[in-house]
mmCIF file of all heavy atoms, coordinates in Angstrom:
data_MODEL
# 
_entry.id   MODEL 
# 
loop_
_atom_site.group_PDB 
_atom_site.id 
_atom_site.type_symbol 
_atom_site.label_atom_id 
_atom_site.label_alt_id 
_atom_site.label_comp_id 
_atom_site.label_asym_id 
_atom_site.label_entity_id 
_atom_site.label_seq_id 
_atom_site.pdbx_PDB_ins_code 
_atom_site.Cartn_x 
_atom_site.Cartn_y 
_atom_site.Cartn_z 
_atom_site.occupancy 
_atom_site.B_iso_or_equiv 
_atom_site.pdbx_formal_charge 
_atom_site.auth_seq_id 
_atom_site.auth_comp_id 
_atom_site.auth_asym_id 
_atom_site.auth_atom_id 
_atom_site.pdbx_PDB_model_num 
ATOM 1   N N   . ALA A 1 1  ? 35.618 -81.376 -74.941 1.00 0.00 ? 1  ALA A N   1 
ATOM 2   C CA  . ALA A 1 1  ? 36.413 -80.204 -74.592 1.00 0.00 ? 1  ALA A CA  1 
ATOM 3   C C   . ALA A 1 1  ? 36.721 -80.230 -73.106 1.00 0.00 ? 1  ALA A C   1 
ATOM 4   O O   . ALA A 1 1  ? 35.846 -80.543 -72.293 1.00 0.00 ? 1  ALA A O   1 
ATOM 5   C CB  . ALA A 1 1  ? 35.673 -78.922 -74.957 1.00 0.00 ? 1  ALA A CB  1 
ATOM 6   N N   . LEU A 1 2  ? 37.947 -79.895 -72.760 1.00 0.00 ? 2  LEU A N   1 
ATOM 7   C CA  . LEU A 1 2  ? 38.358 -79.821 -71.357 1.00 0.00 ? 2  LEU A CA  1 
ATOM 8   C C   . LEU A 1 2  ? 38.074 -78.442 -70.772 1.00 0.00 ? 2  LEU A C   1 
ATOM 9   O O   . LEU A 1 2  ? 37.647 -78.326 -69.633 1.00 0.00 ? 2  LEU A O   1 
ATOM 10  C CB  . LEU A 1 2  ? 39.849 -80.141 -71.230 1.00 0.00 ? 2  LEU A CB  1 
ATOM 11  C CG  . LEU A 1 2  ? 40.475 -79.992 -69.834 1.00 0.00 ? 2  LEU A CG  1 
ATOM 12  C CD1 . LEU A 1 2  ? 39.771 -80.878 -68.815 1.00 0.00 ? 2  LEU A CD1 1 
ATOM 13  C CD2 . LEU A 1 2  ? 41.973 -80.305 -69.884 1.00 0.00 ? 2  LEU A CD2 1 
ATOM 14  N N   . ASN A 1 3  ? 38.299 -77.398 -71.554 1.00 0.00 ? 3  ASN A N   1 
ATOM 15  C CA  . ASN A 1 3  ? 38.085 -76.034 -71.062 1.00 0.00 ? 3  ASN A CA  1 
ATOM 16  C C   . ASN A 1 3  ? 36.662 -75.537 -71.316 1.00 0.00 ? 3  ASN A C   1 
ATOM 17  O O   . ASN A 1 3  ? 35.940 -75.230 -70.382 1.00 0.00 ? 3  ASN A O   1 
ATOM 18  C CB  . ASN A 1 3  ? 39.074 -75.067 -71.728 1.00 0.00 ? 3  ASN A CB  1 
ATOM 19  C CG  . ASN A 1 3  ? 40.242 -74.713 -70.826 1.00 0.00 ? 3  ASN A CG  1 
ATOM 20  O OD1 . ASN A 1 3  ? 40.432 -75.320 -69.781 1.00 0.00 ? 3  ASN A OD1 1 
ATOM 21  N ND2 . ASN A 1 3  ? 41.020 -73.736 -71.249 1.00 0.00 ? 3  ASN A ND2 1 
ATOM 22  N N   . GLU A 1 4  ? 36.305 -75.442 -72.589 1.00 0.00 ? 4  GLU A N   1 
ATOM 23  C CA  . GLU A 1 4  ? 34.993 -74.887 -72.897 1.00 0.00 ? 4  GLU A CA  1 
ATOM 24  C C   . GLU A 1 4  ? 34.543 -75.224 -74.307 1.00 0.00 ? 4  GLU A C   1 
ATOM 25  O O   . GLU A 1 4  ? 35.359 -75.528 -75.188 1.00 0.00 ? 4  GLU A O   1 
ATOM 26  C CB  . GLU A 1 4  ? 34.984 -73.355 -72.739 1.00 0.00 ? 4  GLU A CB  1 
ATOM 27  C CG  . GLU A 1 4  ? 35.735 -72.580 -73.796 1.00 0.00 ? 4  GLU A CG  1 
ATOM 28  C CD  . GLU A 1 4  ? 37.197 -72.380 -73.535 1.00 0.00 ? 4  GLU A CD  1 
ATOM 29  O OE1 . GLU A 1 4  ? 37.589 -72.002 -72.419 1.00 0.00 ? 4  GLU A OE1 1 
ATOM 30  O OE2 . GLU A 1 4  ? 37.979 -72.615 -74.490 1.00 0.00 ? 4  GLU A OE2 1 
ATOM 31  N N   . VAL A 1 5  ? 33.232 -75.134 -74.490 1.00 0.00 ? 5  VAL A N   1 
ATOM 32  C CA  . VAL A 1 5  ? 32.606 -75.152 -75.810 1.00 0.00 ? 5  VAL A CA  1 
ATOM 33  C C   . VAL A 1 5  ? 32.080 -73.747 -76.039 1.00 0.00 ? 5  VAL A C   1 
ATOM 34  O O   . VAL A 1 5  ? 31.347 -73.209 -75.210 1.00 0.00 ? 5  VAL A O   1 
ATOM 35  C CB  . VAL A 1 5  ? 31.449 -76.172 -75.881 1.00 0.00 ? 5  VAL A CB  1 
ATOM 36  C CG1 . VAL A 1 5  ? 30.777 -76.109 -77.248 1.00 0.00 ? 5  VAL A CG1 1 
ATOM 37  C CG2 . VAL A 1 5  ? 31.947 -77.571 -75.582 1.00 0.00 ? 5  VAL A CG2 1 
ATOM 38  N N   . THR A 1 6  ? 32.464 -73.142 -77.167 1.00 0.00 ? 6  THR A N   1 
ATOM 39  C CA  . THR A 1 6  ? 32.081 -71.754 -77.434 1.00 0.00 ? 6  THR A CA  1 
ATOM 40  C C   . THR A 1 6  ? 31.322 -71.641 -78.743 1.00 0.00 ? 6  THR A C   1 
ATOM 41  O O   . THR A 1 6  ? 31.738 -72.182 -79.768 1.00 0.00 ? 6  THR A O   1 
ATOM 42  C CB  . THR A 1 6  ? 33.328 -70.843 -77.500 1.00 0.00 ? 6  THR A CB  1 
ATOM 43  O OG1 . THR A 1 6  ? 34.038 -70.923 -76.266 1.00 0.00 ? 6  THR A OG1 1 
ATOM 44  C CG2 . THR A 1 6  ? 32.931 -69.401 -77.753 1.00 0.00 ? 6  THR A CG2 1 
ATOM 45  N N   . ILE A 1 7  ? 30.195 -70.939 -78.687 1.00 0.00 ? 7  ILE A N   1 
ATOM 46  C CA  . ILE A 1 7  ? 29.428 -70.589 -79.871 1.00 0.00 ? 7  ILE A CA  1 
ATOM 47  C C   . ILE A 1 7  ? 29.771 -69.142 -80.204 1.00 0.00 ? 7  ILE A C   1 
ATOM 48  O O   . ILE A 1 7  ? 29.729 -68.272 -79.324 1.00 0.00 ? 7  ILE A O   1 
ATOM 49  C CB  . ILE A 1 7  ? 27.911 -70.705 -79.621 1.00 0.00 ? 7  ILE A CB  1 
ATOM 50  C CG1 . ILE A 1 7  ? 27.541 -72.123 -79.154 1.00 0.00 ? 7  ILE A CG1 1 
ATOM 51  C CG2 . ILE A 1 7  ? 27.120 -70.308 -80.862 1.00 0.00 ? 7  ILE A CG2 1 
ATOM 52  C CD1 . ILE A 1 7  ? 27.751 -73.197 -80.183 1.00 0.00 ? 7  ILE A CD1 1 
ATOM 53  N N   . ALA A 1 8  ? 30.130 -68.852 -81.459 1.00 0.00 ? 8  ALA A N   1 
ATOM 54  C CA  . ALA A 1 8  ? 30.528 -67.491 -81.819 1.00 0.00 ? 8  ALA A CA  1 
ATOM 55  C C   . ALA A 1 8  ? 30.045 -67.132 -83.201 1.00 0.00 ? 8  ALA A C   1 
ATOM 56  O O   . ALA A 1 8  ? 29.811 -67.995 -84.055 1.00 0.00 ? 8  ALA A O   1 
ATOM 57  C CB  . ALA A 1 8  ? 32.052 -67.354 -81.733 1.00 0.00 ? 8  ALA A CB  1 
ATOM 58  N N   . ARG A 1 9  ? 29.918 -65.843 -83.461 1.00 0.00 ? 9  ARG A N   1 
ATOM 59  C CA  . ARG A 1 9  ? 29.493 -65.344 -84.771 1.00 0.00 ? 9  ARG A CA  1 
ATOM 60  C C   . ARG A 1 9  ? 30.596 -65.582 -85.800 1.00 0.00 ? 9  ARG A C   1 
ATOM 61  O O   . ARG A 1 9  ? 31.766 -65.730 -85.462 1.00 0.00 ? 9  ARG A O   1 
ATOM 62  C CB  . ARG A 1 9  ? 29.173 -63.861 -84.681 1.00 0.00 ? 9  ARG A CB  1 
ATOM 63  C CG  . ARG A 1 9  ? 30.360 -63.015 -84.255 1.00 0.00 ? 9  ARG A CG  1 
ATOM 64  C CD  . ARG A 1 9  ? 29.956 -61.582 -83.995 1.00 0.00 ? 9  ARG A CD  1 
ATOM 65  N NE  . ARG A 1 9  ? 31.131 -60.758 -83.679 1.00 0.00 ? 9  ARG A NE  1 
ATOM 66  C CZ  . ARG A 1 9  ? 31.084 -59.459 -83.447 1.00 0.00 ? 9  ARG A CZ  1 
ATOM 67  N NH1 . ARG A 1 9  ? 29.920 -58.823 -83.473 1.00 0.00 ? 9  ARG A NH1 1 
ATOM 68  N NH2 . ARG A 1 9  ? 32.182 -58.770 -83.186 1.00 0.00 ? 9  ARG A NH2 1 
ATOM 69  N N   . LYS A 1 10 ? 30.213 -65.597 -87.083 1.00 0.00 ? 10 LYS A N   1 
ATOM 70  C CA  . LYS A 1 10 ? 31.171 -65.777 -88.166 1.00 0.00 ? 10 LYS A CA  1 
ATOM 71  C C   . LYS A 1 10 ? 30.851 -64.812 -89.311 1.00 0.00 ? 10 LYS A C   1 
ATOM 72  O O   . LYS A 1 10 ? 29.692 -64.658 -89.686 1.00 0.00 ? 10 LYS A O   1 
ATOM 73  C CB  . LYS A 1 10 ? 31.142 -67.223 -88.687 1.00 0.00 ? 10 LYS A CB  1 
ATOM 74  C CG  . LYS A 1 10 ? 32.131 -67.471 -89.817 1.00 0.00 ? 10 LYS A CG  1 
ATOM 75  C CD  . LYS A 1 10 ? 32.002 -68.868 -90.405 1.00 0.00 ? 10 LYS A CD  1 
ATOM 76  C CE  . LYS A 1 10 ? 33.016 -69.046 -91.547 1.00 0.00 ? 10 LYS A CE  1 
ATOM 77  N NZ  . LYS A 1 10 ? 32.894 -70.363 -92.199 1.00 0.00 ? 10 LYS A NZ  1 
ATOM 78  N N   . ASN A 1 11 ? 31.885 -64.203 -89.848 1.00 0.00 ? 11 ASN A N   1 
ATOM 79  C CA  . ASN A 1 11 ? 31.758 -63.336 -91.026 1.00 0.00 ? 11 ASN A CA  1 
ATOM 80  C C   . ASN A 1 11 ? 30.749 -62.205 -90.845 1.00 0.00 ? 11 ASN A C   1 
ATOM 81  O O   . ASN A 1 11 ? 30.057 -61.811 -91.789 1.00 0.00 ? 11 ASN A O   1 
ATOM 82  C CB  . ASN A 1 11 ? 31.370 -64.145 -92.273 1.00 0.00 ? 11 ASN A CB  1 
ATOM 83  C CG  . ASN A 1 11 ? 32.423 -65.163 -92.633 1.00 0.00 ? 11 ASN A CG  1 
ATOM 84  O OD1 . ASN A 1 11 ? 33.608 -64.974 -92.371 1.00 0.00 ? 11 ASN A OD1 1 
ATOM 85  N ND2 . ASN A 1 11 ? 31.998 -66.269 -93.233 1.00 0.00 ? 11 ASN A ND2 1 
ATOM 86  N N   . THR A 1 12 ? 30.629 -61.707 -89.629 1.00 0.00 ? 12 THR A N   1 
ATOM 87  C CA  . THR A 1 12 ? 29.696 -60.615 -89.386 1.00 0.00 ? 12 THR A CA  1 
ATOM 88  C C   . THR A 1 12 ? 30.117 -59.849 -88.135 1.00 0.00 ? 12 THR A C   1 
ATOM 89  O O   . THR A 1 12 ? 30.749 -60.411 -87.241 1.00 0.00 ? 12 THR A O   1 
ATOM 90  C CB  . THR A 1 12 ? 28.258 -61.137 -89.205 1.00 0.00 ? 12 THR A CB  1 
ATOM 91  O OG1 . THR A 1 12 ? 27.388 -60.010 -88.965 1.00 0.00 ? 12 THR A OG1 1 
ATOM 92  C CG2 . THR A 1 12 ? 28.155 -62.089 -88.031 1.00 0.00 ? 12 THR A CG2 1 
ATOM 93  N N   . THR A 1 13 ? 29.762 -58.569 -88.116 1.00 0.00 ? 13 THR A N   1 
ATOM 94  C CA  . THR A 1 13 ? 29.967 -57.792 -86.895 1.00 0.00 ? 13 THR A CA  1 
ATOM 95  C C   . THR A 1 13 ? 28.684 -57.724 -86.083 1.00 0.00 ? 13 THR A C   1 
ATOM 96  O O   . THR A 1 13 ? 28.665 -57.169 -84.988 1.00 0.00 ? 13 THR A O   1 
ATOM 97  C CB  . THR A 1 13 ? 30.424 -56.362 -87.237 1.00 0.00 ? 13 THR A CB  1 
ATOM 98  O OG1 . THR A 1 13 ? 29.459 -55.752 -88.094 1.00 0.00 ? 13 THR A OG1 1 
ATOM 99  C CG2 . THR A 1 13 ? 31.780 -56.381 -87.919 1.00 0.00 ? 13 THR A CG2 1 
ATOM 100 N N   . SER A 1 14 ? 27.604 -58.277 -86.651 1.00 0.00 ? 14 SER A N   1 
ATOM 101 C CA  . SER A 1 14 ? 26.313 -58.287 -85.947 1.00 0.00 ? 14 SER A CA  1 
ATOM 102 C C   . SER A 1 14 ? 26.309 -59.364 -84.873 1.00 0.00 ? 14 SER A C   1 
ATOM 103 O O   . SER A 1 14 ? 26.928 -60.419 -85.015 1.00 0.00 ? 14 SER A O   1 
ATOM 104 C CB  . SER A 1 14 ? 25.175 -58.550 -86.934 1.00 0.00 ? 14 SER A CB  1 
ATOM 105 O OG  . SER A 1 14 ? 25.127 -57.542 -87.922 1.00 0.00 ? 14 SER A OG  1 
ATOM 106 N N   . MET A 1 15 ? 25.593 -59.107 -83.809 1.00 0.00 ? 15 MET A N   1 
ATOM 107 C CA  . MET A 1 15 ? 25.454 -60.100 -82.753 1.00 0.00 ? 15 MET A CA  1 
ATOM 108 C C   . MET A 1 15 ? 24.616 -61.278 -83.238 1.00 0.00 ? 15 MET A C   1 
ATOM 109 O O   . MET A 1 15 ? 23.925 -61.194 -84.263 1.00 0.00 ? 15 MET A O   1 
ATOM 110 C CB  . MET A 1 15 ? 24.816 -59.465 -81.515 1.00 0.00 ? 15 MET A CB  1 
ATOM 111 C CG  . MET A 1 15 ? 23.366 -59.089 -81.695 1.00 0.00 ? 15 MET A CG  1 
ATOM 112 S SD  . MET A 1 15 ? 22.709 -58.164 -80.304 1.00 0.00 ? 15 MET A SD  1 
ATOM 113 C CE  . MET A 1 15 ? 23.417 -56.552 -80.616 1.00 0.00 ? 15 MET A CE  1 
ATOM 114 N N   . ILE A 1 16 ? 24.686 -62.357 -82.514 1.00 0.00 ? 16 ILE A N   1 
ATOM 115 C CA  . ILE A 1 16 ? 23.860 -63.525 -82.808 1.00 0.00 ? 16 ILE A CA  1 
ATOM 116 C C   . ILE A 1 16 ? 22.958 -63.798 -81.614 1.00 0.00 ? 16 ILE A C   1 
ATOM 117 O O   . ILE A 1 16 ? 23.214 -63.348 -80.493 1.00 0.00 ? 16 ILE A O   1 
ATOM 118 C CB  . ILE A 1 16 ? 24.727 -64.776 -83.114 1.00 0.00 ? 16 ILE A CB  1 
ATOM 119 C CG1 . ILE A 1 16 ? 25.645 -65.112 -81.920 1.00 0.00 ? 16 ILE A CG1 1 
ATOM 120 C CG2 . ILE A 1 16 ? 25.535 -64.560 -84.373 1.00 0.00 ? 16 ILE A CG2 1 
ATOM 121 C CD1 . ILE A 1 16 ? 26.450 -66.394 -82.104 1.00 0.00 ? 16 ILE A CD1 1 
ATOM 122 N N   . GLY A 1 17 ? 21.899 -64.521 -81.863 1.00 0.00 ? 17 GLY A N   1 
ATOM 123 C CA  . GLY A 1 17 ? 21.026 -64.960 -80.782 1.00 0.00 ? 17 GLY A CA  1 
ATOM 124 C C   . GLY A 1 17 ? 21.278 -66.432 -80.503 1.00 0.00 ? 17 GLY A C   1 
ATOM 125 O O   . GLY A 1 17 ? 21.329 -67.234 -81.438 1.00 0.00 ? 17 GLY A O   1 
ATOM 126 N N   . VAL A 1 18 ? 21.473 -66.777 -79.240 1.00 0.00 ? 18 VAL A N   1 
ATOM 127 C CA  . VAL A 1 18 ? 21.705 -68.172 -78.867 1.00 0.00 ? 18 VAL A CA  1 
ATOM 128 C C   . VAL A 1 18 ? 20.570 -68.611 -77.937 1.00 0.00 ? 18 VAL A C   1 
ATOM 129 O O   . VAL A 1 18 ? 20.562 -68.273 -76.743 1.00 0.00 ? 18 VAL A O   1 
ATOM 130 C CB  . VAL A 1 18 ? 23.077 -68.376 -78.185 1.00 0.00 ? 18 VAL A CB  1 
ATOM 131 C CG1 . VAL A 1 18 ? 23.326 -69.866 -77.960 1.00 0.00 ? 18 VAL A CG1 1 
ATOM 132 C CG2 . VAL A 1 18 ? 24.204 -67.764 -79.006 1.00 0.00 ? 18 VAL A CG2 1 
ATOM 133 N N   . ARG A 1 19 ? 19.612 -69.306 -78.508 1.00 0.00 ? 19 ARG A N   1 
ATOM 134 C CA  . ARG A 1 19 ? 18.470 -69.803 -77.724 1.00 0.00 ? 19 ARG A CA  1 
ATOM 135 C C   . ARG A 1 19 ? 18.954 -70.957 -76.865 1.00 0.00 ? 19 ARG A C   1 
ATOM 136 O O   . ARG A 1 19 ? 19.472 -71.952 -77.375 1.00 0.00 ? 19 ARG A O   1 
ATOM 137 C CB  . ARG A 1 19 ? 17.336 -70.249 -78.645 1.00 0.00 ? 19 ARG A CB  1 
ATOM 138 C CG  . ARG A 1 19 ? 16.039 -70.574 -77.929 1.00 0.00 ? 19 ARG A CG  1 
ATOM 139 C CD  . ARG A 1 19 ? 14.947 -70.965 -78.923 1.00 0.00 ? 19 ARG A CD  1 
ATOM 140 N NE  . ARG A 1 19 ? 13.654 -71.036 -78.280 1.00 0.00 ? 19 ARG A NE  1 
ATOM 141 C CZ  . ARG A 1 19 ? 13.205 -72.102 -77.608 1.00 0.00 ? 19 ARG A CZ  1 
ATOM 142 N NH1 . ARG A 1 19 ? 13.964 -73.198 -77.523 1.00 0.00 ? 19 ARG A NH1 1 
ATOM 143 N NH2 . ARG A 1 19 ? 12.004 -72.088 -77.053 1.00 0.00 ? 19 ARG A NH2 1 
ATOM 144 N N   . THR A 1 20 ? 18.749 -70.843 -75.565 1.00 0.00 ? 20 THR A N   1 
ATOM 145 C CA  . THR A 1 20 ? 19.348 -71.781 -74.618 1.00 0.00 ? 20 THR A CA  1 
ATOM 146 C C   . THR A 1 20 ? 18.278 -72.490 -73.798 1.00 0.00 ? 20 THR A C   1 
ATOM 147 O O   . THR A 1 20 ? 17.413 -71.845 -73.180 1.00 0.00 ? 20 THR A O   1 
ATOM 148 C CB  . THR A 1 20 ? 20.306 -71.032 -73.661 1.00 0.00 ? 20 THR A CB  1 
ATOM 149 O OG1 . THR A 1 20 ? 21.271 -70.316 -74.448 1.00 0.00 ? 20 THR A OG1 1 
ATOM 150 C CG2 . THR A 1 20 ? 21.011 -72.004 -72.732 1.00 0.00 ? 20 THR A CG2 1 
ATOM 151 N N   . CYS A 1 21 ? 18.346 -73.827 -73.807 1.00 0.00 ? 21 CYS A N   1 
ATOM 152 C CA  . CYS A 1 21 ? 17.440 -74.652 -72.991 1.00 0.00 ? 21 CYS A CA  1 
ATOM 153 C C   . CYS A 1 21 ? 18.264 -75.538 -72.061 1.00 0.00 ? 21 CYS A C   1 
ATOM 154 O O   . CYS A 1 21 ? 19.310 -76.057 -72.460 1.00 0.00 ? 21 CYS A O   1 
ATOM 155 C CB  . CYS A 1 21 ? 16.554 -75.527 -73.871 1.00 0.00 ? 21 CYS A CB  1 
ATOM 156 S SG  . CYS A 1 21 ? 15.370 -74.610 -74.888 1.00 0.00 ? 21 CYS A SG  1 
ATOM 157 N N   . LEU A 1 22 ? 17.793 -75.693 -70.837 1.00 0.00 ? 22 LEU A N   1 
ATOM 158 C CA  . LEU A 1 22 ? 18.450 -76.541 -69.857 1.00 0.00 ? 22 LEU A CA  1 
ATOM 159 C C   . LEU A 1 22 ? 17.501 -77.663 -69.466 1.00 0.00 ? 22 LEU A C   1 
ATOM 160 O O   . LEU A 1 22 ? 16.381 -77.393 -68.994 1.00 0.00 ? 22 LEU A O   1 
ATOM 161 C CB  . LEU A 1 22 ? 18.843 -75.734 -68.605 1.00 0.00 ? 22 LEU A CB  1 
ATOM 162 C CG  . LEU A 1 22 ? 19.691 -74.474 -68.849 1.00 0.00 ? 22 LEU A CG  1 
ATOM 163 C CD1 . LEU A 1 22 ? 19.977 -73.779 -67.517 1.00 0.00 ? 22 LEU A CD1 1 
ATOM 164 C CD2 . LEU A 1 22 ? 20.989 -74.822 -69.558 1.00 0.00 ? 22 LEU A CD2 1 
ATOM 165 N N   . ASN A 1 23 ? 17.930 -78.901 -69.687 1.00 0.00 ? 23 ASN A N   1 
ATOM 166 C CA  . ASN A 1 23 ? 17.076 -80.066 -69.418 1.00 0.00 ? 23 ASN A CA  1 
ATOM 167 C C   . ASN A 1 23 ? 15.706 -79.900 -70.085 1.00 0.00 ? 23 ASN A C   1 
ATOM 168 O O   . ASN A 1 23 ? 14.660 -80.123 -69.465 1.00 0.00 ? 23 ASN A O   1 
ATOM 169 C CB  . ASN A 1 23 ? 16.920 -80.297 -67.914 1.00 0.00 ? 23 ASN A CB  1 
ATOM 170 C CG  . ASN A 1 23 ? 18.209 -80.772 -67.270 1.00 0.00 ? 23 ASN A CG  1 
ATOM 171 O OD1 . ASN A 1 23 ? 19.046 -81.410 -67.909 1.00 0.00 ? 23 ASN A OD1 1 
ATOM 172 N ND2 . ASN A 1 23 ? 18.371 -80.455 -65.992 1.00 0.00 ? 23 ASN A ND2 1 
ATOM 173 N N   . ASN A 1 24 ? 15.756 -79.455 -71.349 1.00 0.00 ? 24 ASN A N   1 
ATOM 174 C CA  . ASN A 1 24 ? 14.558 -79.277 -72.180 1.00 0.00 ? 24 ASN A CA  1 
ATOM 175 C C   . ASN A 1 24 ? 13.659 -78.126 -71.737 1.00 0.00 ? 24 ASN A C   1 
ATOM 176 O O   . ASN A 1 24 ? 12.551 -77.962 -72.285 1.00 0.00 ? 24 ASN A O   1 
ATOM 177 C CB  . ASN A 1 24 ? 13.730 -80.570 -72.241 1.00 0.00 ? 24 ASN A CB  1 
ATOM 178 C CG  . ASN A 1 24 ? 14.484 -81.691 -72.926 1.00 0.00 ? 24 ASN A CG  1 
ATOM 179 O OD1 . ASN A 1 24 ? 15.131 -81.478 -73.954 1.00 0.00 ? 24 ASN A OD1 1 
ATOM 180 N ND2 . ASN A 1 24 ? 14.419 -82.891 -72.359 1.00 0.00 ? 24 ASN A ND2 1 
ATOM 181 N N   . GLU A 1 25 ? 14.101 -77.332 -70.784 1.00 0.00 ? 25 GLU A N   1 
ATOM 182 C CA  . GLU A 1 25 ? 13.317 -76.169 -70.358 1.00 0.00 ? 25 GLU A CA  1 
ATOM 183 C C   . GLU A 1 25 ? 13.986 -74.891 -70.869 1.00 0.00 ? 25 GLU A C   1 
ATOM 184 O O   . GLU A 1 25 ? 15.190 -74.696 -70.696 1.00 0.00 ? 25 GLU A O   1 
ATOM 185 C CB  . GLU A 1 25 ? 13.194 -76.111 -68.842 1.00 0.00 ? 25 GLU A CB  1 
ATOM 186 C CG  . GLU A 1 25 ? 12.354 -74.941 -68.354 1.00 0.00 ? 25 GLU A CG  1 
ATOM 187 C CD  . GLU A 1 25 ? 12.207 -74.905 -66.829 1.00 0.00 ? 25 GLU A CD  1 
ATOM 188 O OE1 . GLU A 1 25 ? 12.630 -75.876 -66.173 1.00 0.00 ? 25 GLU A OE1 1 
ATOM 189 O OE2 . GLU A 1 25 ? 11.675 -73.896 -66.317 1.00 0.00 ? 25 GLU A OE2 1 
ATOM 190 N N   . TYR A 1 26 ? 13.217 -74.010 -71.483 1.00 0.00 ? 26 TYR A N   1 
ATOM 191 C CA  . TYR A 1 26 ? 13.754 -72.775 -72.044 1.00 0.00 ? 26 TYR A CA  1 
ATOM 192 C C   . TYR A 1 26 ? 14.310 -71.876 -70.948 1.00 0.00 ? 26 TYR A C   1 
ATOM 193 O O   . TYR A 1 26 ? 13.651 -71.631 -69.926 1.00 0.00 ? 26 TYR A O   1 
ATOM 194 C CB  . TYR A 1 26 ? 12.653 -72.046 -72.816 1.00 0.00 ? 26 TYR A CB  1 
ATOM 195 C CG  . TYR A 1 26 ? 13.046 -70.691 -73.348 1.00 0.00 ? 26 TYR A CG  1 
ATOM 196 C CD1 . TYR A 1 26 ? 13.994 -70.573 -74.361 1.00 0.00 ? 26 TYR A CD1 1 
ATOM 197 C CD2 . TYR A 1 26 ? 12.477 -69.523 -72.840 1.00 0.00 ? 26 TYR A CD2 1 
ATOM 198 C CE1 . TYR A 1 26 ? 14.370 -69.318 -74.861 1.00 0.00 ? 26 TYR A CE1 1 
ATOM 199 C CE2 . TYR A 1 26 ? 12.832 -68.275 -73.331 1.00 0.00 ? 26 TYR A CE2 1 
ATOM 200 C CZ  . TYR A 1 26 ? 13.786 -68.173 -74.336 1.00 0.00 ? 26 TYR A CZ  1 
ATOM 201 O OH  . TYR A 1 26 ? 14.150 -66.942 -74.820 1.00 0.00 ? 26 TYR A OH  1 
ATOM 202 N N   . LEU A 1 27 ? 15.535 -71.377 -71.159 1.00 0.00 ? 27 LEU A N   1 
ATOM 203 C CA  . LEU A 1 27 ? 16.151 -70.441 -70.215 1.00 0.00 ? 27 LEU A CA  1 
ATOM 204 C C   . LEU A 1 27 ? 16.034 -69.017 -70.746 1.00 0.00 ? 27 LEU A C   1 
ATOM 205 O O   . LEU A 1 27 ? 15.358 -68.178 -70.156 1.00 0.00 ? 27 LEU A O   1 
ATOM 206 C CB  . LEU A 1 27 ? 17.633 -70.792 -70.001 1.00 0.00 ? 27 LEU A CB  1 
ATOM 207 C CG  . LEU A 1 27 ? 18.466 -69.776 -69.201 1.00 0.00 ? 27 LEU A CG  1 
ATOM 208 C CD1 . LEU A 1 27 ? 17.939 -69.652 -67.776 1.00 0.00 ? 27 LEU A CD1 1 
ATOM 209 C CD2 . LEU A 1 27 ? 19.947 -70.158 -69.214 1.00 0.00 ? 27 LEU A CD2 1 
ATOM 210 N N   . THR A 1 28 ? 16.703 -68.738 -71.861 1.00 0.00 ? 28 THR A N   1 
ATOM 211 C CA  . THR A 1 28 ? 16.657 -67.408 -72.453 1.00 0.00 ? 28 THR A CA  1 
ATOM 212 C C   . THR A 1 28 ? 17.286 -67.453 -73.834 1.00 0.00 ? 28 THR A C   1 
ATOM 213 O O   . THR A 1 28 ? 17.865 -68.469 -74.238 1.00 0.00 ? 28 THR A O   1 
ATOM 214 C CB  . THR A 1 28 ? 17.406 -66.379 -71.576 1.00 0.00 ? 28 THR A CB  1 
ATOM 215 O OG1 . THR A 1 28 ? 17.174 -65.053 -72.073 1.00 0.00 ? 28 THR A OG1 1 
ATOM 216 C CG2 . THR A 1 28 ? 18.910 -66.645 -71.587 1.00 0.00 ? 28 THR A CG2 1 
ATOM 217 N N   . ASN A 1 29 ? 17.178 -66.340 -74.541 1.00 0.00 ? 29 ASN A N   1 
ATOM 218 C CA  . ASN A 1 29 ? 17.864 -66.176 -75.813 1.00 0.00 ? 29 ASN A CA  1 
ATOM 219 C C   . ASN A 1 29 ? 18.944 -65.110 -75.613 1.00 0.00 ? 29 ASN A C   1 
ATOM 220 O O   . ASN A 1 29 ? 18.637 -63.934 -75.426 1.00 0.00 ? 29 ASN A O   1 
ATOM 221 C CB  . ASN A 1 29 ? 16.881 -65.751 -76.909 1.00 0.00 ? 29 ASN A CB  1 
ATOM 222 C CG  . ASN A 1 29 ? 17.503 -65.797 -78.292 1.00 0.00 ? 29 ASN A CG  1 
ATOM 223 O OD1 . ASN A 1 29 ? 18.252 -66.709 -78.622 1.00 0.00 ? 29 ASN A OD1 1 
ATOM 224 N ND2 . ASN A 1 29 ? 17.198 -64.800 -79.110 1.00 0.00 ? 29 ASN A ND2 1 
# 
C-alpha cells in the first residue's frame, strides 16, 4: 500500500479491539 493499511469492523456497529505490538513489544489494545 502506498497510502495506508486499514483494519476496520465488518457487519457490525460494535467497536473492535486491535491488539498492537511494535517490534514484538506490546503497545496497547
